[in-house]
Amino acid sequence: MAPEKQPQRKKIESTGQMMKIMSDYFYDLNDAAKSDRRKVAWCTSVGPAELLRAMGFAVHFPENHAAMLGATRMATELIPEANTIGYSPDICSYLTADIGAYLKGSSPLAKAYPGIEGPPKPDVLVYNTNQCRDVQDWFSWYARELDVPCIGITSPKNHTDVSDTLIEDVTCQIEALIPTLEEITGEKLDPQKLRETVALSRECTELWRQVLETAAATPAPLTFFDGTIHMGPAVVLRGTQQAVDYYQQLLAELKQRISDQVAAVEGERHRIYWEGMPVWGRLRQHSELFSELQASVLVSTYCSSWVFPDFDAEQPIRSMAKAYLGLFIVRSDAYKEEYIKQMLEKFHIDGIIYHDAKTCPCNSNSRYGMPQRLEQETGIPSLVISGDLNDLRCVSDEQTRTNVEAFIEQLEER
């Protein structure tokens, strides 16, 4: 029997520029760590990066490093290093992979960027628990290990509405960080610089939203798997002109794709919503699996986590508080279900994939009846796949393929 023809995918040309600015970012971090003039701050991915950048810090995001550990499939071998010092294999595999990499003296940065040995040593660690408590434990370990200060924000969770009371709470917590940060840099916060940084973050987030929303076109010009790669600048470079310039370029390319009817998945027949984290070590494999089945996984809550419409340069700190409180992961199930219903309609979705990530319960929304409730309300079928963001010991490739193929057959029958 002749082998089946594999669907062809046209490369996103802007990828080359994205790789360049990410390379520049990592080399700048490396230079800052060696300099006496610049301080380095580690920040959680939805932490107060705008404040840190406005104060002149070079900003490193350990979650980005952990995702790289997953994508390069280094994480699974490094996680046991953290387990041996008391960190459970059931907690966040970003945390255990990153700490394991530190203990082992191993980093994907060293392989990708000559001259960089690994993440830069921090002068301060700044967290926001709006994602989970694990980030506080993660940063606290490094604070003890490296003898540097660790400060942060403890965010409210499970709220349906972002009330003024909640905003005031987080605003006060952000303001309370400033004296410590000023002491570390030796300089006062420049309010104008903060306004400018928040304005750039607002522009970046608006462009990133438009990039993701090009997938509402039929056929979709990009997929969720593309989004996990191209969200890099929105995560690590928001608040900079480089991120704004990049998304202007990417958006123009995707609009041209729509005009030319260029599909991310050749022969797109089914449009899929991905709920939850990616399986970083299986991005390519999963992308190819769905493409083979002419199913376009074209939208997710995960990639939209860096869309912050509430940023306002006129009220920089308050708007940062409001934006961080609006994050999908910290909202109630009532809010999440309404949000997903809107996304299903906007992107003309045929089916939902829920990734139940073993070590990431906060970003797994399939455990308390949500798939069943949404299917009953919308009629759109769903599939839950078991896996993990970084620990590939929790992933069964054969079971995933079998279940996905059966799910697509179900969509065909409909």
Protein backbone atom coordinates (compact mmCIF):
# COMPACT_ATOMS: atom_id res chain seq x y z
CA MET A 1 0.00 0.00 0.00
CA ALA A 2 1.33 3.43 -0.93
CA PRO A 3 2.02 5.70 2.05
CA GLU A 4 -0.53 8.40 2.73
CA LYS A 5 0.40 11.84 1.50
CA GLN A 6 1.44 14.02 4.43
CA PRO A 7 -0.24 17.44 4.56
CA GLN A 8 2.09 20.26 3.59
CA ARG A 9 2.52 23.21 5.93
CA LYS A 10 3.78 26.56 4.75
CA LYS A 11 6.35 28.06 7.06
CA ILE A 12 5.49 31.36 8.76
CA GLU A 13 8.18 33.64 7.36
CA SER A 14 8.22 35.89 10.43
CA THR A 15 9.60 33.01 12.48
CA GLY A 16 13.13 33.99 11.51
CA GLN A 17 12.67 37.49 12.94
CA MET A 18 11.12 36.07 16.10
CA MET A 19 14.11 33.81 16.61
CA LYS A 20 16.44 36.77 16.18
CA ILE A 21 14.76 39.00 18.75
CA MET A 22 14.54 36.10 21.21
CA SER A 23 18.25 35.51 20.70
CA ASP A 24 18.93 39.21 21.29
CA TYR A 25 16.84 39.04 24.46
CA PHE A 26 18.83 36.12 25.91
CA TYR A 27 22.19 37.67 25.05
CA ASP A 28 21.07 40.95 26.64
CA LEU A 29 20.17 39.05 29.82
CA ASN A 30 23.56 37.38 29.76
CA ASP A 31 25.31 40.73 29.35
CA ALA A 32 23.29 42.27 32.18
CA ALA A 33 24.30 39.48 34.53
CA LYS A 34 27.97 40.28 33.85
CA SER A 35 27.52 44.04 34.22
CA ASP A 36 27.87 46.16 37.33
CA ARG A 37 25.48 48.74 35.87
CA ARG A 38 22.32 46.67 35.37
CA LYS A 39 20.36 44.56 37.82
CA VAL A 40 18.58 41.31 36.97
CA ALA A 41 15.08 40.46 38.18
CA TRP A 42 13.39 37.11 37.84
CA CYS A 43 9.65 37.46 37.29
CA THR A 44 6.71 35.10 36.92
CA SER A 45 5.16 35.19 33.46
CA VAL A 46 2.12 37.20 34.55
CA GLY A 47 3.95 39.17 37.21
CA PRO A 48 4.77 42.89 37.33
CA ALA A 49 7.21 42.84 34.41
CA GLU A 50 6.23 46.38 33.37
CA LEU A 51 7.30 47.75 36.75
CA LEU A 52 10.60 45.89 36.63
CA ARG A 53 11.38 46.92 33.08
CA ALA A 54 10.53 50.56 33.81
CA MET A 55 13.01 50.47 36.70
CA GLY A 56 15.81 49.32 34.44
CA PHE A 57 15.95 45.64 35.38
CA ALA A 58 16.85 43.00 32.83
CA VAL A 59 13.96 40.56 33.30
CA HIS A 60 14.25 36.77 33.21
CA PHE A 61 11.16 34.52 33.24
CA PRO A 62 11.84 31.07 34.74
CA GLU A 63 8.59 29.72 33.27
CA ASN A 64 9.95 30.48 29.81
CA HIS A 65 13.13 28.58 30.68
CA ALA A 66 11.04 25.69 32.03
CA ALA A 67 8.99 25.57 28.81
CA MET A 68 12.25 25.40 26.86
CA LEU A 69 13.28 22.46 29.06
CA GLY A 70 10.01 20.78 28.11
CA ALA A 71 10.19 21.59 24.40
CA THR A 72 13.77 20.26 24.16
CA ARG A 73 12.68 17.14 26.09
CA MET A 74 15.34 17.71 28.74
CA ALA A 75 12.78 18.10 31.55
CA THR A 76 11.90 14.45 32.17
CA GLU A 77 15.50 13.55 33.07
CA LEU A 78 15.95 16.64 35.26
CA ILE A 79 12.75 16.46 37.31
CA PRO A 80 14.11 13.61 39.55
CA GLU A 81 16.95 15.92 40.64
CA ALA A 82 14.35 18.16 42.34
CA ASN A 83 12.47 15.13 43.67
CA THR A 84 15.60 14.02 45.54
CA ILE A 85 15.65 17.25 47.58
CA GLY A 86 12.03 16.89 48.64
CA TYR A 87 9.91 18.27 45.80
CA SER A 88 7.05 15.91 44.99
CA PRO A 89 6.73 14.50 41.45
CA ASP A 90 3.06 15.56 41.64
CA ILE A 91 3.74 19.32 41.82
CA CYS A 92 4.40 21.69 38.93
CA SER A 93 6.85 20.11 36.49
CA TYR A 94 7.96 23.59 35.44
CA LEU A 95 9.22 24.04 39.02
CA THR A 96 10.83 20.62 39.33
CA ALA A 97 12.39 20.73 35.84
CA ASP A 98 13.85 24.20 36.38
CA ILE A 99 15.24 23.47 39.84
CA GLY A 100 16.50 20.13 38.54
CA ALA A 101 18.29 21.95 35.70
CA TYR A 102 19.95 24.27 38.21
CA LEU A 103 21.06 21.36 40.40
CA LYS A 104 22.42 19.51 37.38
CA GLY A 105 24.04 22.60 35.84
CA SER A 106 22.12 22.04 32.59
CA SER A 107 20.21 24.48 30.37
CA PRO A 108 18.84 24.53 26.81
CA LEU A 109 20.19 28.09 26.60
CA ALA A 110 23.74 26.70 26.58
CA LYS A 111 22.94 24.54 23.56
CA ALA A 112 21.03 27.18 21.62
CA TYR A 113 23.15 30.27 22.31
CA PRO A 114 26.96 29.96 22.31
CA GLY A 115 28.52 31.84 25.20
CA ILE A 116 25.47 31.55 27.48
CA GLU A 117 25.82 28.97 30.24
CA GLY A 118 22.30 29.28 31.61
CA PRO A 119 19.87 31.71 33.24
CA PRO A 120 21.39 34.89 34.73
CA LYS A 121 21.88 35.12 38.49
CA PRO A 122 19.12 37.33 39.94
CA ASP A 123 19.44 40.39 42.16
CA VAL A 124 15.77 39.97 43.15
CA LEU A 125 12.95 37.49 42.56
CA VAL A 126 9.42 38.85 42.03
CA TYR A 127 6.37 36.57 41.83
CA ASN A 128 2.63 36.83 41.40
CA THR A 129 0.56 33.88 42.63
CA ASN A 130 -2.24 34.62 40.14
CA GLN A 131 -1.24 31.39 38.38
CA CYS A 132 -0.65 29.11 41.38
CA ARG A 133 1.11 28.92 44.74
CA ASP A 134 3.90 26.86 43.16
CA VAL A 135 5.57 29.97 41.73
CA GLN A 136 6.05 31.37 45.24
CA ASP A 137 7.64 28.11 46.44
CA TRP A 138 9.73 27.98 43.29
CA PHE A 139 11.11 31.50 43.72
CA SER A 140 11.54 31.07 47.48
CA TRP A 141 13.83 28.09 46.88
CA TYR A 142 16.10 30.18 44.66
CA ALA A 143 16.02 33.03 47.19
CA ARG A 144 17.40 30.67 49.84
CA GLU A 145 19.84 29.01 47.48
CA LEU A 146 21.24 32.23 46.00
CA ASP A 147 20.76 34.48 49.04
CA VAL A 148 18.77 37.16 47.21
CA PRO A 149 15.50 38.89 48.20
CA CYS A 150 12.17 37.40 47.12
CA ILE A 151 9.09 39.65 47.04
CA GLY A 152 5.72 39.31 45.43
CA ILE A 153 1.98 39.58 45.09
CA THR A 154 -0.54 37.16 46.60
CA SER A 155 -3.50 37.30 44.25
CA PRO A 156 -7.16 36.55 44.93
CA LYS A 157 -8.54 33.57 43.01
CA ASN A 158 -11.80 32.04 41.78
CA HIS A 159 -13.57 35.36 41.25
CA THR A 160 -16.20 35.90 38.58
CA ASP A 161 -15.93 39.68 38.50
CA VAL A 162 -12.86 41.86 38.90
CA SER A 163 -14.18 44.19 41.59
CA ASP A 164 -12.73 47.50 42.79
CA THR A 165 -11.95 45.84 46.14
CA LEU A 166 -9.78 43.22 44.45
CA ILE A 167 -8.08 45.83 42.28
CA GLU A 168 -7.27 47.96 45.30
CA ASP A 169 -5.80 44.96 47.08
CA VAL A 170 -3.40 44.09 44.26
CA THR A 171 -2.61 47.75 43.52
CA CYS A 172 -1.43 48.20 47.11
CA GLN A 173 0.66 45.05 46.88
CA ILE A 174 2.38 46.27 43.68
CA GLU A 175 3.06 49.66 45.24
CA ALA A 176 4.58 47.91 48.27
CA LEU A 177 7.20 46.30 46.00
CA ILE A 178 8.61 49.64 44.86
CA PRO A 179 10.74 50.62 47.91
CA THR A 180 12.61 47.29 47.86
CA LEU A 181 13.18 47.53 44.12
CA GLU A 182 14.42 51.12 44.45
CA GLU A 183 16.86 50.02 47.15
CA ILE A 184 18.23 47.32 44.85
CA THR A 185 18.64 49.61 41.81
CA GLY A 186 19.70 52.64 43.83
CA GLU A 187 17.29 54.80 41.83
CA LYS A 188 13.74 56.06 42.26
CA LEU A 189 10.96 54.82 40.01
CA ASP A 190 10.38 57.24 37.12
CA PRO A 191 6.56 57.51 36.74
CA GLN A 192 6.87 58.62 33.11
CA LYS A 193 9.01 55.62 32.25
CA LEU A 194 6.41 53.35 33.84
CA ARG A 195 3.64 54.99 31.80
CA GLU A 196 5.67 54.49 28.61
CA THR A 197 6.34 50.84 29.44
CA VAL A 198 2.68 50.11 30.19
CA ALA A 199 1.70 51.83 26.94
CA LEU A 200 4.05 49.54 25.01
CA SER A 201 2.64 46.50 26.83
CA ARG A 202 -0.87 47.63 25.90
CA GLU A 203 0.15 47.97 22.24
CA CYS A 204 1.87 44.59 22.31
CA THR A 205 -1.11 42.85 23.85
CA GLU A 206 -3.53 44.41 21.36
CA LEU A 207 -1.41 43.23 18.42
CA TRP A 208 -1.08 39.76 19.95
CA ARG A 209 -4.87 39.60 20.30
CA GLN A 210 -5.25 40.48 16.63
CA VAL A 211 -2.68 37.84 15.68
CA LEU A 212 -4.62 35.14 17.55
CA GLU A 213 -7.94 36.31 16.13
CA THR A 214 -6.77 35.80 12.54
CA ALA A 215 -7.56 32.14 13.28
CA ALA A 216 -11.27 33.03 13.11
CA ALA A 217 -10.83 33.07 9.32
CA THR A 218 -11.68 29.98 7.28
CA PRO A 219 -9.27 28.36 6.68
CA ALA A 220 -7.28 29.42 9.74
CA PRO A 221 -3.84 30.88 8.87
CA LEU A 222 -2.18 29.69 12.10
CA THR A 223 -2.69 27.04 14.75
CA PHE A 224 -2.44 26.76 18.52
CA PHE A 225 0.92 25.07 18.01
CA ASP A 226 2.17 28.09 16.06
CA GLY A 227 0.84 30.32 18.84
CA THR A 228 2.87 28.55 21.53
CA ILE A 229 6.02 29.49 19.62
CA HIS A 230 5.11 33.01 18.51
CA MET A 231 3.85 34.08 21.94
CA GLY A 232 7.49 34.26 23.09
CA PRO A 233 7.89 38.05 22.66
CA ALA A 234 4.52 38.70 24.38
CA VAL A 235 5.79 36.76 27.40
CA VAL A 236 9.39 37.95 27.75
CA LEU A 237 9.45 41.27 25.87
CA ARG A 238 6.14 42.95 26.59
CA GLY A 239 6.77 46.57 27.48
CA THR A 240 9.37 46.89 24.70
CA GLN A 241 9.31 48.30 21.17
CA GLN A 242 10.83 45.05 19.84
CA ALA A 243 7.69 43.10 20.76
CA VAL A 244 5.42 45.70 19.16
CA ASP A 245 7.46 45.73 15.94
CA TYR A 246 7.46 41.94 15.76
CA TYR A 247 3.70 41.54 16.10
CA GLN A 248 3.09 44.22 13.50
CA GLN A 249 5.18 42.14 11.10
CA LEU A 250 3.53 38.83 12.03
CA LEU A 251 0.02 40.30 11.81
CA ALA A 252 0.70 41.67 8.33
CA GLU A 253 1.90 38.24 7.18
CA LEU A 254 -1.15 36.47 8.60
CA LYS A 255 -3.53 38.98 7.02
CA GLN A 256 -1.85 38.28 3.68
CA ARG A 257 -2.33 34.57 4.29
CA ILE A 258 -6.04 35.16 4.83
CA SER A 259 -6.23 37.18 1.64
CA ASP A 260 -4.44 34.40 -0.27
CA GLN A 261 -6.50 31.65 1.42
CA VAL A 262 -3.36 30.01 2.82
CA ALA A 263 -4.33 27.41 5.43
CA ALA A 264 -2.20 26.45 8.40
CA VAL A 265 -3.65 22.94 7.95
CA GLU A 266 -4.06 21.87 4.35
CA GLY A 267 -7.63 20.76 3.60
CA GLU A 268 -8.95 21.98 6.95
CA ARG A 269 -12.13 20.03 7.79
CA HIS A 270 -12.44 20.33 11.57
CA ARG A 271 -11.82 23.30 13.85
CA ILE A 272 -10.62 22.44 17.36
CA TYR A 273 -10.33 24.43 20.60
CA TRP A 274 -7.45 23.44 22.91
CA GLU A 275 -8.17 23.98 26.60
CA GLY A 276 -5.18 23.81 28.94
CA MET A 277 -1.40 23.74 28.71
CA PRO A 278 0.52 22.39 25.73
CA VAL A 279 2.54 19.20 26.04
CA TRP A 280 5.82 20.97 25.35
CA GLY A 281 7.76 17.86 24.44
CA ARG A 282 5.13 16.83 21.89
CA LEU A 283 4.35 20.10 20.07
CA ARG A 284 5.52 18.90 16.68
CA GLN A 285 4.09 15.41 17.12
CA HIS A 286 0.67 16.75 18.11
CA SER A 287 0.72 19.35 15.34
CA GLU A 288 1.42 16.65 12.76
CA LEU A 289 -1.21 14.31 14.24
CA PHE A 290 -4.01 16.84 13.89
CA SER A 291 -2.79 17.98 10.46
CA GLU A 292 -2.89 14.37 9.21
CA LEU A 293 -6.53 14.27 10.29
CA GLN A 294 -7.26 17.63 8.59
CA ALA A 295 -8.12 19.04 12.00
CA SER A 296 -6.95 22.55 12.79
CA VAL A 297 -6.33 23.19 16.49
CA LEU A 298 -6.63 26.91 16.03
CA VAL A 299 -7.40 28.61 19.34
CA SER A 300 -6.74 28.16 23.05
CA THR A 301 -7.13 29.85 26.41
CA TYR A 302 -3.40 29.33 27.01
CA CYS A 303 -2.07 31.55 24.22
CA SER A 304 -4.65 34.19 25.12
CA SER A 305 -3.18 34.41 28.63
CA TRP A 306 -0.98 37.27 27.40
CA VAL A 307 -3.84 39.43 26.16
CA PHE A 308 -4.28 42.29 28.65
CA PRO A 309 -6.81 44.85 27.38
CA ASP A 310 -6.92 46.55 30.79
CA PHE A 311 -3.44 48.09 30.59
CA ASP A 312 -3.77 51.88 30.77
CA ALA A 313 -0.78 54.23 30.68
CA GLU A 314 -2.76 56.89 32.55
CA GLN A 315 -3.23 54.55 35.53
CA PRO A 316 -0.24 52.26 35.17
CA ILE A 317 -0.18 50.46 38.53
CA ARG A 318 -3.93 50.19 38.97
CA SER A 319 -4.35 48.95 35.40
CA MET A 320 -1.59 46.38 35.93
CA ALA A 321 -3.48 45.10 38.97
CA LYS A 322 -6.71 44.91 36.99
CA ALA A 323 -5.02 43.16 34.06
CA TYR A 324 -3.38 40.50 36.25
CA LEU A 325 -6.68 39.87 38.05
CA GLY A 326 -8.41 39.31 34.72
CA LEU A 327 -6.25 36.30 33.88
CA PHE A 328 -8.37 33.29 32.84
CA ILE A 329 -6.64 30.88 35.22
CA VAL A 330 -7.71 32.82 38.35
CA ARG A 331 -11.37 33.19 37.40
CA SER A 332 -14.37 31.18 38.59
CA ASP A 333 -15.79 28.28 36.58
CA ALA A 334 -18.83 30.41 35.80
CA TYR A 335 -16.60 33.01 34.13
CA LYS A 336 -14.47 30.38 32.38
CA GLU A 337 -17.46 28.59 30.91
CA GLU A 338 -18.96 31.81 29.57
CA TYR A 339 -15.61 32.81 28.09
CA ILE A 340 -15.15 29.44 26.37
CA LYS A 341 -18.70 29.57 24.95
CA GLN A 342 -17.90 32.94 23.37
CA MET A 343 -14.66 31.54 21.90
CA LEU A 344 -16.45 28.49 20.48
CA GLU A 345 -18.85 30.75 18.60
CA LYS A 346 -16.28 33.32 17.51
CA PHE A 347 -13.89 30.74 16.04
CA HIS A 348 -16.57 28.38 14.63
CA ILE A 349 -15.36 25.43 16.70
CA ASP A 350 -16.41 21.82 16.03
CA GLY A 351 -14.80 20.14 19.04
CA ILE A 352 -12.82 20.77 22.23
CA ILE A 353 -9.65 19.03 23.45
CA TYR A 354 -9.06 19.32 27.21
CA HIS A 355 -5.50 18.58 28.29
CA ASP A 356 -5.57 17.22 31.83
CA ALA A 357 -1.97 18.01 32.84
CA LYS A 358 -0.89 15.74 35.68
CA THR A 359 1.21 18.36 37.53
CA CYS A 360 -0.80 21.47 36.63
CA PRO A 361 -4.23 21.25 38.28
CA CYS A 362 -4.76 25.03 38.14
CA ASN A 363 -4.54 24.96 34.35
CA SER A 364 -6.57 21.76 33.90
CA ASN A 365 -10.29 22.48 33.63
CA SER A 366 -11.60 18.99 32.96
CA ARG A 367 -11.74 17.70 36.54
CA TYR A 368 -14.93 19.25 37.91
CA GLY A 369 -17.54 18.60 35.24
CA MET A 370 -16.83 21.53 32.91
CA PRO A 371 -16.60 19.43 29.70
CA GLN A 372 -19.97 17.83 30.41
CA ARG A 373 -21.64 21.15 31.27
CA LEU A 374 -20.34 22.89 28.18
CA GLU A 375 -21.25 20.01 25.88
CA GLN A 376 -24.78 19.98 27.29
CA GLU A 377 -25.14 23.74 26.74
CA THR A 378 -23.47 24.03 23.34
CA GLY A 379 -23.78 20.59 21.76
CA ILE A 380 -20.06 20.71 20.91
CA PRO A 381 -18.33 17.42 21.77
CA SER A 382 -15.09 17.21 23.71
CA LEU A 383 -12.21 14.87 24.47
CA VAL A 384 -10.00 14.79 27.57
CA ILE A 385 -6.41 13.69 26.99
CA SER A 386 -4.11 12.88 29.90
CA GLY A 387 -0.57 14.20 29.87
CA ASP A 388 1.63 16.88 31.35
CA LEU A 389 3.31 20.13 30.38
CA ASN A 390 6.87 18.85 30.97
CA ASP A 391 6.97 15.34 32.46
CA LEU A 392 6.75 12.97 29.49
CA ARG A 393 6.44 9.98 31.85
CA CYS A 394 2.82 11.11 32.20
CA VAL A 395 2.24 11.03 28.43
CA SER A 396 1.07 8.00 26.42
CA ASP A 397 1.61 8.74 22.72
CA GLU A 398 -0.26 5.63 21.61
CA GLN A 399 -3.28 6.35 23.79
CA THR A 400 -3.33 10.01 22.71
CA ARG A 401 -3.27 9.06 19.01
CA THR A 402 -5.98 6.43 19.43
CA ASN A 403 -8.26 8.78 21.35
CA VAL A 404 -7.74 11.72 19.01
CA GLU A 405 -8.36 9.59 15.91
CA ALA A 406 -11.59 8.26 17.44
CA PHE A 407 -12.65 11.82 18.35
CA ILE A 408 -12.08 13.09 14.81
CA GLU A 409 -14.09 10.13 13.49
CA GLN A 410 -16.88 11.23 15.80
CA LEU A 411 -16.72 14.74 14.30
CA GLU A 412 -16.80 13.21 10.79
CA GLU A 413 -19.97 11.34 11.65
CA ARG A 414 -21.60 14.58 12.80
